[in-house]
C-alpha atoms as a PDB file:
ATOM      1  CA  UNK A   1      -0.008  -0.107  -0.053  1.00  0.00           C
ATOM      2  CA  UNK A   2       3.021   2.293   1.001  1.00  0.00           C
ATOM      3  CA  UNK A   3       4.594   1.714  -2.821  1.00  0.00           C
ATOM      4  CA  UNK A   4       1.075   2.633  -4.407  1.00  0.00           C
ATOM      5  CA  UNK A   5       0.710   5.887  -2.495  1.00  0.00           C
ATOM      6  CA  UNK A   6       4.408   6.682  -3.574  1.00  0.00           C
ATOM      7  CA  UNK A   7       3.754   5.689  -6.609  1.00  0.00           C
ATOM      8  CA  UNK A   8       0.519   8.112  -6.676  1.00  0.00           C
ATOM      9  CA  UNK A   9       2.537  10.965  -5.234  1.00  0.00           C
ATOM     10  CA  UNK A  10       5.444  11.001  -7.152  1.00  0.00           C
ATOM     11  CA  UNK A  11       4.656   8.819 -10.584  1.00  0.00           C
ATOM     12  CA  UNK A  12       6.799   8.144 -13.227  1.00  0.00           C
ATOM     13  CA  UNK A  13       5.354   9.208 -16.755  1.00  0.00           C
ATOM     14  CA  UNK A  14       4.119   5.314 -17.449  1.00  0.00           C
ATOM     15  CA  UNK A  15       3.027   4.828 -13.799  1.00  0.00           C
ATOM     16  CA  UNK A  16       0.910   8.183 -13.698  1.00  0.00           C
ATOM     17  CA  UNK A  17      -1.231   7.392 -16.814  1.00  0.00           C
ATOM     18  CA  UNK A  18      -1.962   3.955 -15.860  1.00  0.00           C
ATOM     19  CA  UNK A  19      -2.492   4.801 -12.043  1.00  0.00           C
ATOM     20  CA  UNK A  20      -5.095   7.727 -13.102  1.00  0.00           C
ATOM     21  CA  UNK A  21      -6.716   5.375 -15.725  1.00  0.00           C
ATOM     22  CA  UNK A  22      -7.192   2.674 -13.252  1.00  0.00           C
ATOM     23  CA  UNK A  23      -8.717   5.028 -10.603  1.00  0.00           C
ATOM     24  CA  UNK A  24     -10.855   6.309 -12.725  1.00  0.00           C
ATOM     25  CA  UNK A  25     -12.246   3.123 -13.771  1.00  0.00           C
ATOM     26  CA  UNK A  26     -12.801   1.955 -10.277  1.00  0.00           C
ATOM     27  CA  UNK A  27     -14.226   5.409  -9.325  1.00  0.00           C
ATOM     28  CA  UNK A  28     -16.470   5.109 -12.227  1.00  0.00           C
ATOM     29  CA  UNK A  29     -17.533   1.382 -11.883  1.00  0.00           C
ATOM     30  CA  UNK A  30     -18.609   2.441  -8.246  1.00  0.00           C
ATOM     31  CA  UNK A  31     -20.238   5.177  -9.154  1.00  0.00           C
ATOM     32  CA  UNK A  32     -22.716   3.288 -11.553  1.00  0.00           C
ATOM     33  CA  UNK A  33     -22.754   0.328  -9.593  1.00  0.00           C
ATOM     34  CA  UNK A  34     -23.258   1.315  -5.954  1.00  0.00           C
ATOM     35  CA  UNK A  35     -26.484   3.767  -6.328  1.00  0.00           C
ATOM     36  CA  UNK A  36     -28.025   1.051  -8.068  1.00  0.00           C
ATOM     37  CA  UNK A  37     -27.351  -1.639  -5.806  1.00  0.00           C
ATOM     38  CA  UNK A  38     -28.243   0.525  -3.087  1.00  0.00           C
ATOM     39  CA  UNK A  39     -31.741   1.566  -4.741  1.00  0.00           C
ATOM     40  CA  UNK A  40     -32.240  -2.108  -5.514  1.00  0.00           C
ATOM     41  CA  UNK A  41     -31.890  -3.126  -1.983  1.00  0.00           C
ATOM     42  CA  UNK A  42     -33.826  -0.132  -0.312  1.00  0.00           C
ATOM     43  CA  UNK A  43     -36.803  -0.734  -2.506  1.00  0.00           C
ATOM     44  CA  UNK A  44     -37.652  -4.111  -1.306  1.00  0.00           C
ATOM     45  CA  UNK A  45     -40.422  -5.056   1.037  1.00  0.00           C
ATOM     46  CA  UNK A  46     -38.316  -6.866   3.514  1.00  0.00           C
ATOM     47  CA  UNK A  47     -35.965  -3.644   3.882  1.00  0.00           C
ATOM     48  CA  UNK A  48     -39.221  -1.411   4.712  1.00  0.00           C
ATOM     49  CA  UNK A  49     -40.524  -3.647   7.001  1.00  0.00           C
ATOM     50  CA  UNK A  50     -37.147  -4.429   8.676  1.00  0.00           C
ATOM     51  CA  UNK A  51     -37.980  -1.355  10.957  1.00  0.00           C
ATOM     52  CA  UNK A  52     -39.405  -2.201  14.117  1.00  0.00           C
ATOM     53  CA  UNK A  53     -42.036   0.694  13.758  1.00  0.00           C
ATOM     54  CA  UNK A  54     -42.875  -0.892  10.301  1.00  0.00           C
ATOM     55  CA  UNK A  55     -44.515  -4.031  11.822  1.00  0.00           C
ATOM     56  CA  UNK A  56     -48.081  -2.801  12.709  1.00  0.00           C
ATOM     57  CA  UNK A  57     -48.350  -1.721   8.870  1.00  0.00           C
ATOM     58  CA  UNK A  58     -46.696  -5.062   7.559  1.00  0.00           C
ATOM     59  CA  UNK A  59     -49.220  -6.689   9.445  1.00  0.00           C
ATOM     60  CA  UNK A  60     -52.391  -4.770   8.175  1.00  0.00           C
ATOM     61  CA  UNK A  61     -50.727  -5.169   4.635  1.00  0.00           C
ATOM     62  CA  UNK A  62     -50.591  -8.733   5.283  1.00  0.00           C
ATOM     63  CA  UNK A  63     -54.495  -8.571   5.773  1.00  0.00           C
ATOM     64  CA  UNK A  64     -55.048  -6.095   3.017  1.00  0.00           C
ATOM     65  CA  UNK A  65     -56.000  -7.034  -0.733  1.00  0.00           C
ATOM     66  CA  UNK A  66     -52.761  -5.820  -1.982  1.00  0.00           C
ATOM     67  CA  UNK A  67     -51.239  -8.996  -0.218  1.00  0.00           C
ATOM     68  CA  UNK A  68     -54.347 -11.356  -0.577  1.00  0.00           C
ATOM     69  CA  UNK A  69     -56.372 -11.554  -3.542  1.00  0.00           C
ATOM     70  CA  UNK A  70     -57.907 -13.861  -6.224  1.00  0.00           C
ATOM     71  CA  UNK A  71     -55.534 -12.920  -8.769  1.00  0.00           C
ATOM     72  CA  UNK A  72     -52.468 -13.909  -6.433  1.00  0.00           C
ATOM     73  CA  UNK A  73     -50.345 -10.886  -7.503  1.00  0.00           C
ATOM     74  CA  UNK A  74     -49.209  -8.963  -4.484  1.00  0.00           C
ATOM     75  CA  UNK A  75     -48.251  -4.753  -4.601  1.00  0.00           C
ATOM     76  CA  UNK A  76     -45.005  -4.551  -2.987  1.00  0.00           C
ATOM     77  CA  UNK A  77     -44.317  -1.108  -1.018  1.00  0.00           C
ATOM     78  CA  UNK A  78     -42.075   0.113  -3.889  1.00  0.00           C
ATOM     79  CA  UNK A  79     -45.136  -0.383  -6.292  1.00  0.00           C
ATOM     80  CA  UNK A  80     -47.199   2.419  -4.803  1.00  0.00           C
ATOM     81  CA  UNK A  81     -44.383   4.356  -2.473  1.00  0.00           C
ATOM     82  CA  UNK A  82     -41.727   4.800  -5.087  1.00  0.00           C
ATOM     83  CA  UNK A  83     -42.368   6.611  -8.555  1.00  0.00           C
ATOM     84  CA  UNK A  84     -41.211   4.451 -11.452  1.00  0.00           C
ATOM     85  CA  UNK A  85     -39.496   7.634 -13.022  1.00  0.00           C
ATOM     86  CA  UNK A  86     -36.156   8.691 -11.874  1.00  0.00           C
ATOM     87  CA  UNK A  87     -36.285  12.122 -10.591  1.00  0.00           C
ATOM     88  CA  UNK A  88     -39.489  10.820  -8.806  1.00  0.00           C
ATOM     89  CA  UNK A  89     -37.528   7.860  -7.464  1.00  0.00           C
ATOM     90  CA  UNK A  90     -34.420  10.213  -6.129  1.00  0.00           C
ATOM     91  CA  UNK A  91     -36.924  12.598  -4.621  1.00  0.00           C
ATOM     92  CA  UNK A  92     -38.810   9.911  -2.795  1.00  0.00           C
ATOM     93  CA  UNK A  93     -35.331   8.298  -1.585  1.00  0.00           C
ATOM     94  CA  UNK A  94     -34.266  11.716  -0.156  1.00  0.00           C
ATOM     95  CA  UNK A  95     -37.845  12.262   1.661  1.00  0.00           C
ATOM     96  CA  UNK A  96     -37.161   8.654   2.838  1.00  0.00           C
ATOM     97  CA  UNK A  97     -33.646   9.922   4.175  1.00  0.00           C
ATOM     98  CA  UNK A  98     -35.837  12.534   6.090  1.00  0.00           C
ATOM     99  CA  UNK A  99     -38.007   9.920   7.588  1.00  0.00           C
ATOM    100  CA  UNK A 100     -35.026   7.666   8.909  1.00  0.00           C
ATOM    101  CA  UNK A 101     -33.620  11.233  10.478  1.00  0.00           C
ATOM    102  CA  UNK A 102     -36.906  12.076  12.146  1.00  0.00           C
ATOM    103  CA  UNK A 103     -37.448   8.600  13.530  1.00  0.00           C
ATOM    104  CA  UNK A 104     -34.107   7.716  14.692  1.00  0.00           C
ATOM    105  CA  UNK A 105     -32.338  11.281  15.658  1.00  0.00           C
ATOM    106  CA  UNK A 106     -35.162  13.678  16.261  1.00  0.00           C
ATOM    107  CA  UNK A 107     -37.552  11.129  17.606  1.00  0.00           C
ATOM    108  CA  UNK A 108     -40.688  12.962  16.021  1.00  0.00           C
ATOM    109  CA  UNK A 109     -42.211   9.704  14.412  1.00  0.00           C
ATOM    110  CA  UNK A 110     -42.544   7.205  17.006  1.00  0.00           C
ATOM    111  CA  UNK A 111     -46.535   6.132  17.062  1.00  0.00           C
ATOM    112  CA  UNK A 112     -48.476   4.218  14.585  1.00  0.00           C
ATOM    113  CA  UNK A 113     -50.829   7.057  14.567  1.00  0.00           C
ATOM    114  CA  UNK A 114     -47.651   9.720  13.285  1.00  0.00           C
ATOM    115  CA  UNK A 115     -46.319   6.546  10.701  1.00  0.00           C
ATOM    116  CA  UNK A 116     -49.457   6.816   9.286  1.00  0.00           C
ATOM    117  CA  UNK A 117     -49.539  10.625   8.889  1.00  0.00           C
ATOM    118  CA  UNK A 118     -46.754  10.175   6.832  1.00  0.00           C
ATOM    119  CA  UNK A 119     -47.971   7.773   4.246  1.00  0.00           C
ATOM    120  CA  UNK A 120     -49.231  11.183   2.574  1.00  0.00           C
ATOM    121  CA  UNK A 121     -52.557   9.655   1.050  1.00  0.00           C
ATOM    122  CA  UNK A 122     -50.893   6.777  -0.896  1.00  0.00           C
ATOM    123  CA  UNK A 123     -52.227   3.831   1.011  1.00  0.00           C
ATOM    124  CA  UNK A 124     -55.406   2.787  -0.347  1.00  0.00           C
ATOM    125  CA  UNK A 125     -56.450  -0.358   1.268  1.00  0.00           C
END
């Protein structure tokens, strides 16, 4: 690691270009892959209900037509709560980040009633 750091600080002409290209490729791949994986993981129903405060909502969901219906098709959380377009999805993820802050740091969303008030009318059971 020390050799790599020294090579990056005082690279020869051959290593400087190679090092910059390699680092650029690694950073580029990370900037493409990590957000995609993060959005996929945080958009699952399993992730949504992993919070203890979501357990009452999950139990209610399991009794609704979204979970049990004649067609056998289940509506997942992301179907209603995350817009399909990228700007809408990013906006919703930022709002969800605020919800996490309000729940765990500010402690302003701590009861089922307050949680339901945060649905903003998106639940139609």
